[in-house]
PDB file of N, CA and C in Angstrom:
ATOM      1  N   UNK A   1       0.817  -1.190   0.000  1.00  0.00           N
ATOM      2  CA  UNK A   1       0.000   0.000   0.000  1.00  0.00           C
ATOM      3  C   UNK A   1       0.871   1.268   0.000  1.00  0.00           C
ATOM      4  N   UNK A   2       2.006   1.198   0.718  1.00  0.00           N
ATOM      5  CA  UNK A   2       2.908   2.344   0.725  1.00  0.00           C
ATOM      6  C   UNK A   2       3.428   2.647  -0.670  1.00  0.00           C
ATOM      7  N   UNK A   3       3.749   1.593  -1.409  1.00  0.00           N
ATOM      8  CA  UNK A   3       4.287   1.774  -2.754  1.00  0.00           C
ATOM      9  C   UNK A   3       3.269   2.448  -3.663  1.00  0.00           C
ATOM     10  N   UNK A   4       2.000   2.060  -3.523  1.00  0.00           N
ATOM     11  CA  UNK A   4       0.943   2.659  -4.333  1.00  0.00           C
ATOM     12  C   UNK A   4       0.849   4.157  -4.065  1.00  0.00           C
ATOM     13  N   UNK A   5       0.803   4.539  -2.783  1.00  0.00           N
ATOM     14  CA  UNK A   5       0.711   5.960  -2.451  1.00  0.00           C
ATOM     15  C   UNK A   5       1.969   6.715  -2.859  1.00  0.00           C
ATOM     16  N   UNK A   6       3.111   6.061  -2.785  1.00  0.00           N
ATOM     17  CA  UNK A   6       4.359   6.697  -3.213  1.00  0.00           C
ATOM     18  C   UNK A   6       4.293   7.060  -4.693  1.00  0.00           C
ATOM     19  N   UNK A   7       3.896   6.091  -5.521  1.00  0.00           N
ATOM     20  CA  UNK A   7       3.850   6.352  -6.965  1.00  0.00           C
ATOM     21  C   UNK A   7       2.731   7.327  -7.331  1.00  0.00           C
ATOM     22  N   UNK A   8       1.594   7.237  -6.650  1.00  0.00           N
ATOM     23  CA  UNK A   8       0.501   8.170  -6.929  1.00  0.00           C
ATOM     24  C   UNK A   8       0.885   9.601  -6.558  1.00  0.00           C
ATOM     25  N   UNK A   9       1.503   9.769  -5.391  1.00  0.00           N
ATOM     26  CA  UNK A   9       1.884  11.125  -4.974  1.00  0.00           C
ATOM     27  C   UNK A   9       2.998  11.678  -5.859  1.00  0.00           C
ATOM     28  N   UNK A  10       3.930  10.836  -6.260  1.00  0.00           N
ATOM     29  CA  UNK A  10       4.988  11.283  -7.159  1.00  0.00           C
ATOM     30  C   UNK A  10       4.407  11.698  -8.515  1.00  0.00           C
ATOM     31  N   UNK A  11       3.496  10.896  -9.039  1.00  0.00           N
ATOM     32  CA  UNK A  11       2.851  11.231 -10.304  1.00  0.00           C
ATOM     33  C   UNK A  11       2.045  12.518 -10.215  1.00  0.00           C
ATOM     34  N   UNK A  12       1.374  12.716  -9.079  1.00  0.00           N
ATOM     35  CA  UNK A  12       0.596  13.942  -8.900  1.00  0.00           C
ATOM     36  C   UNK A  12       1.506  15.167  -8.860  1.00  0.00           C
ATOM     37  N   UNK A  13       2.659  15.029  -8.218  1.00  0.00           N
ATOM     38  CA  UNK A  13       3.586  16.165  -8.173  1.00  0.00           C
ATOM     39  C   UNK A  13       4.155  16.475  -9.556  1.00  0.00           C
ATOM     40  N   UNK A  14       4.458  15.440 -10.327  1.00  0.00           N
ATOM     41  CA  UNK A  14       4.921  15.675 -11.698  1.00  0.00           C
ATOM     42  C   UNK A  14       3.826  16.341 -12.534  1.00  0.00           C
ATOM     43  N   UNK A  15       2.582  15.936 -12.335  1.00  0.00           N
ATOM     44  CA  UNK A  15       1.476  16.544 -13.066  1.00  0.00           C
ATOM     45  C   UNK A  15       1.352  18.025 -12.722  1.00  0.00           C
ATOM     46  N   UNK A  16       1.526  18.365 -11.444  1.00  0.00           N
ATOM     47  CA  UNK A  16       1.474  19.778 -11.024  1.00  0.00           C
ATOM     48  C   UNK A  16       2.563  20.574 -11.735  1.00  0.00           C
ATOM     49  N   UNK A  17       3.764  20.032 -11.769  1.00  0.00           N
ATOM     50  CA  UNK A  17       4.876  20.745 -12.410  1.00  0.00           C
ATOM     51  C   UNK A  17       4.617  20.928 -13.903  1.00  0.00           C
ATOM     52  N   UNK A  18       4.123  19.888 -14.557  1.00  0.00           N
ATOM     53  CA  UNK A  18       3.853  19.987 -15.995  1.00  0.00           C
ATOM     54  C   UNK A  18       2.775  21.024 -16.305  1.00  0.00           C
ATOM     55  N   UNK A  19       1.696  21.019 -15.527  1.00  0.00           N
ATOM     56  CA  UNK A  19       0.623  21.989 -15.765  1.00  0.00           C
ATOM     57  C   UNK A  19       1.115  23.397 -15.441  1.00  0.00           C
ATOM     58  N   UNK A  20       1.927  23.541 -14.394  1.00  0.00           N
ATOM     59  CA  UNK A  20       2.490  24.849 -14.066  1.00  0.00           C
ATOM     60  C   UNK A  20       3.344  25.384 -15.216  1.00  0.00           C
ATOM     61  N   UNK A  21       4.217  24.530 -15.745  1.00  0.00           N
ATOM     62  CA  UNK A  21       5.075  24.965 -16.853  1.00  0.00           C
ATOM     63  C   UNK A  21       4.263  25.287 -18.103  1.00  0.00           C
ATOM     64  N   UNK A  22       3.240  24.479 -18.375  1.00  0.00           N
ATOM     65  CA  UNK A  22       2.388  24.754 -19.539  1.00  0.00           C
ATOM     66  C   UNK A  22       1.651  26.082 -19.364  1.00  0.00           C
ATOM     67  N   UNK A  23       1.144  26.337 -18.165  1.00  0.00           N
ATOM     68  CA  UNK A  23       0.445  27.599 -17.905  1.00  0.00           C
ATOM     69  C   UNK A  23       1.375  28.794 -18.031  1.00  0.00           C
ATOM     70  N   UNK A  24       2.579  28.650 -17.519  1.00  0.00           N
ATOM     71  CA  UNK A  24       3.545  29.740 -17.640  1.00  0.00           C
ATOM     72  C   UNK A  24       3.944  29.979 -19.094  1.00  0.00           C
ATOM     73  N   UNK A  25       4.088  28.904 -19.843  1.00  0.00           N
ATOM     74  CA  UNK A  25       4.446  29.022 -21.259  1.00  0.00           C
ATOM     75  C   UNK A  25       3.363  29.786 -22.028  1.00  0.00           C
ATOM     76  N   UNK A  26       2.108  29.409 -21.788  1.00  0.00           N
ATOM     77  CA  UNK A  26       0.999  30.082 -22.480  1.00  0.00           C
ATOM     78  C   UNK A  26       0.922  31.538 -22.041  1.00  0.00           C
ATOM     79  N   UNK A  27       1.147  31.796 -20.757  1.00  0.00           N
ATOM     80  CA  UNK A  27       1.077  33.161 -20.256  1.00  0.00           C
ATOM     81  C   UNK A  27       2.208  34.019 -20.836  1.00  0.00           C
ATOM     82  N   UNK A  28       3.404  33.456 -20.962  1.00  0.00           N
ATOM     83  CA  UNK A  28       4.528  34.216 -21.515  1.00  0.00           C
ATOM     84  C   UNK A  28       4.321  34.520 -22.996  1.00  0.00           C
ATOM     85  N   UNK A  29       3.708  33.586 -23.720  1.00  0.00           N
ATOM     86  CA  UNK A  29       3.447  33.846 -25.145  1.00  0.00           C
ATOM     87  C   UNK A  29       2.371  34.903 -25.315  1.00  0.00           C
ATOM     88  N   UNK A  30       1.445  34.964 -24.360  1.00  0.00           N
ATOM     89  CA  UNK A  30       0.404  35.982 -24.398  1.00  0.00           C
ATOM     90  C   UNK A  30      -0.675  35.737 -25.431  1.00  0.00           C
ATOM     91  N   UNK A  31      -0.825  34.511 -25.895  1.00  0.00           N
ATOM     92  CA  UNK A  31      -1.795  34.247 -26.960  1.00  0.00           C
ATOM     93  C   UNK A  31      -3.204  34.056 -26.424  1.00  0.00           C
ATOM     94  N   UNK A  32      -3.361  33.318 -25.344  1.00  0.00           N
ATOM     95  CA  UNK A  32      -4.702  32.999 -24.867  1.00  0.00           C
ATOM     96  C   UNK A  32      -4.780  33.138 -23.343  1.00  0.00           C
ATOM     97  N   UNK A  33      -5.265  34.263 -22.859  1.00  0.00           N
ATOM     98  CA  UNK A  33      -5.382  34.429 -21.415  1.00  0.00           C
ATOM     99  C   UNK A  33      -6.362  33.440 -20.789  1.00  0.00           C
ATOM    100  N   UNK A  34      -7.402  33.057 -21.540  1.00  0.00           N
ATOM    101  CA  UNK A  34      -8.374  32.093 -21.001  1.00  0.00           C
ATOM    102  C   UNK A  34      -7.732  30.735 -20.780  1.00  0.00           C
ATOM    103  N   UNK A  35      -6.902  30.300 -21.694  1.00  0.00           N
ATOM    104  CA  UNK A  35      -6.220  29.014 -21.544  1.00  0.00           C
ATOM    105  C   UNK A  35      -5.244  29.061 -20.374  1.00  0.00           C
ATOM    106  N   UNK A  36      -4.561  30.170 -20.218  1.00  0.00           N
ATOM    107  CA  UNK A  36      -3.629  30.324 -19.108  1.00  0.00           C
ATOM    108  C   UNK A  36      -4.371  30.230 -17.773  1.00  0.00           C
ATOM    109  N   UNK A  37      -5.513  30.892 -17.676  1.00  0.00           N
ATOM    110  CA  UNK A  37      -6.314  30.834 -16.452  1.00  0.00           C
ATOM    111  C   UNK A  37      -6.831  29.420 -16.193  1.00  0.00           C
ATOM    112  N   UNK A  38      -7.246  28.743 -17.245  1.00  0.00           N
ATOM    113  CA  UNK A  38      -7.744  27.377 -17.101  1.00  0.00           C
ATOM    114  C   UNK A  38      -6.637  26.445 -16.595  1.00  0.00           C
ATOM    115  N   UNK A  39      -5.436  26.601 -17.145  1.00  0.00           N
ATOM    116  CA  UNK A  39      -4.316  25.774 -16.703  1.00  0.00           C
ATOM    117  C   UNK A  39      -3.940  26.069 -15.255  1.00  0.00           C
ATOM    118  N   UNK A  40      -4.012  27.328 -14.846  1.00  0.00           N
ATOM    119  CA  UNK A  40      -3.696  27.653 -13.459  1.00  0.00           C
ATOM    120  C   UNK A  40      -4.764  27.092 -12.508  1.00  0.00           C
ATOM    121  N   UNK A  41      -6.013  27.049 -12.946  1.00  0.00           N
ATOM    122  CA  UNK A  41      -7.058  26.420 -12.120  1.00  0.00           C
ATOM    123  C   UNK A  41      -6.821  24.921 -12.000  1.00  0.00           C
ATOM    124  N   UNK A  42      -6.409  24.305 -13.090  1.00  0.00           N
ATOM    125  CA  UNK A  42      -6.061  22.882 -13.051  1.00  0.00           C
ATOM    126  C   UNK A  42      -4.898  22.643 -12.090  1.00  0.00           C
ATOM    127  N   UNK A  43      -3.935  23.558 -12.095  1.00  0.00           N
ATOM    128  CA  UNK A  43      -2.786  23.412 -11.206  1.00  0.00           C
ATOM    129  C   UNK A  43      -3.217  23.419  -9.746  1.00  0.00           C
ATOM    130  N   UNK A  44      -4.128  24.329  -9.401  1.00  0.00           N
ATOM    131  CA  UNK A  44      -4.606  24.397  -8.018  1.00  0.00           C
ATOM    132  C   UNK A  44      -5.308  23.097  -7.639  1.00  0.00           C
ATOM    133  N   UNK A  45      -6.128  22.569  -8.528  1.00  0.00           N
ATOM    134  CA  UNK A  45      -6.806  21.308  -8.253  1.00  0.00           C
ATOM    135  C   UNK A  45      -5.833  20.153  -8.105  1.00  0.00           C
ATOM    136  N   UNK A  46      -4.842  20.111  -8.971  1.00  0.00           N
ATOM    137  CA  UNK A  46      -3.837  19.043  -8.883  1.00  0.00           C
ATOM    138  C   UNK A  46      -2.986  19.181  -7.627  1.00  0.00           C
ATOM    139  N   UNK A  47      -2.725  20.395  -7.201  1.00  0.00           N
ATOM    140  CA  UNK A  47      -1.988  20.588  -5.954  1.00  0.00           C
ATOM    141  C   UNK A  47      -2.786  20.048  -4.777  1.00  0.00           C
ATOM    142  N   UNK A  48      -4.088  20.267  -4.777  1.00  0.00           N
ATOM    143  CA  UNK A  48      -4.937  19.723  -3.716  1.00  0.00           C
ATOM    144  C   UNK A  48      -4.853  18.204  -3.690  1.00  0.00           C
ATOM    145  N   UNK A  49      -4.963  17.586  -4.860  1.00  0.00           N
ATOM    146  CA  UNK A  49      -4.873  16.125  -4.945  1.00  0.00           C
ATOM    147  C   UNK A  49      -3.509  15.644  -4.469  1.00  0.00           C
ATOM    148  N   UNK A  50      -2.452  16.339  -4.859  1.00  0.00           N
ATOM    149  CA  UNK A  50      -1.102  15.942  -4.451  1.00  0.00           C
ATOM    150  C   UNK A  50      -0.928  16.033  -2.941  1.00  0.00           C
ATOM    151  N   UNK A  51      -1.458  17.080  -2.330  1.00  0.00           N
ATOM    152  CA  UNK A  51      -1.338  17.227  -0.877  1.00  0.00           C
ATOM    153  C   UNK A  51      -2.120  16.126  -0.165  1.00  0.00           C
ATOM    154  N   UNK A  52      -3.318  15.827  -0.643  1.00  0.00           N
ATOM    155  CA  UNK A  52      -4.110  14.752  -0.033  1.00  0.00           C
ATOM    156  C   UNK A  52      -3.377  13.422  -0.149  1.00  0.00           C
ATOM    157  N   UNK A  53      -2.789  13.145  -1.305  1.00  0.00           N
ATOM    158  CA  UNK A  53      -2.043  11.901  -1.477  1.00  0.00           C
ATOM    159  C   UNK A  53      -0.801  11.855  -0.594  1.00  0.00           C
ATOM    160  N   UNK A  54      -0.123  12.976  -0.440  1.00  0.00           N
ATOM    161  CA  UNK A  54       1.050  13.010   0.436  1.00  0.00           C
ATOM    162  C   UNK A  54       0.671  12.774   1.899  1.00  0.00           C
ATOM    163  N   UNK A  55      -0.440  13.341   2.335  1.00  0.00           N
ATOM    164  CA  UNK A  55      -0.906  13.114   3.706  1.00  0.00           C
ATOM    165  C   UNK A  55      -1.300  11.650   3.883  1.00  0.00           C
ATOM    166  N   UNK A  56      -1.978  11.074   2.893  1.00  0.00           N
ATOM    167  CA  UNK A  56      -2.351   9.659   2.971  1.00  0.00           C
ATOM    168  C   UNK A  56      -1.112   8.776   2.993  1.00  0.00           C
ATOM    169  N   UNK A  57      -0.116   9.125   2.213  1.00  0.00           N
ATOM    170  CA  UNK A  57       1.138   8.364   2.195  1.00  0.00           C
ATOM    171  C   UNK A  57       1.828   8.426   3.559  1.00  0.00           C
ATOM    172  N   UNK A  58       1.871   9.600   4.154  1.00  0.00           N
ATOM    173  CA  UNK A  58       2.483   9.746   5.469  1.00  0.00           C
ATOM    174  C   UNK A  58       1.704   8.962   6.518  1.00  0.00           C
ATOM    175  N   UNK A  59       0.382   8.971   6.408  1.00  0.00           N
ATOM    176  CA  UNK A  59      -0.463   8.233   7.355  1.00  0.00           C
ATOM    177  C   UNK A  59      -0.226   6.730   7.240  1.00  0.00           C
ATOM    178  N   UNK A  60      -0.194   6.219   6.015  1.00  0.00           N
ATOM    179  CA  UNK A  60       0.011   4.785   5.791  1.00  0.00           C
ATOM    180  C   UNK A  60       1.403   4.374   6.238  1.00  0.00           C
ATOM    181  N   UNK A  61       2.376   5.241   6.063  1.00  0.00           N
ATOM    182  CA  UNK A  61       3.749   4.931   6.429  1.00  0.00           C
ATOM    183  C   UNK A  61       3.913   4.787   7.942  1.00  0.00           C
ATOM    184  N   UNK A  62       3.100   5.487   8.722  1.00  0.00           N
ATOM    185  CA  UNK A  62       3.250   5.452  10.174  1.00  0.00           C
ATOM    186  C   UNK A  62       2.302   4.475  10.849  1.00  0.00           C
ATOM    187  N   UNK A  63       1.606   3.656  10.097  1.00  0.00           N
ATOM    188  CA  UNK A  63       0.715   2.636  10.715  1.00  0.00           C
ATOM    189  C   UNK A  63       1.499   1.496  11.279  1.00  0.00           C
TER     190      UNK A  63
END
């Protein structure tokens, strides 16, 4: 179970970084402010998921 949470939390953190970089790229190009805002909203949601997975991983690790 620890291994599952480890890989899920790691994947979630990579997803946050990828969406952050994509949002910054779109924002720097200045082509679509709506897309940039949408990507930043996705980043916030993915950060929430990553934090929940990290807390679950820490909880499972200390059982």
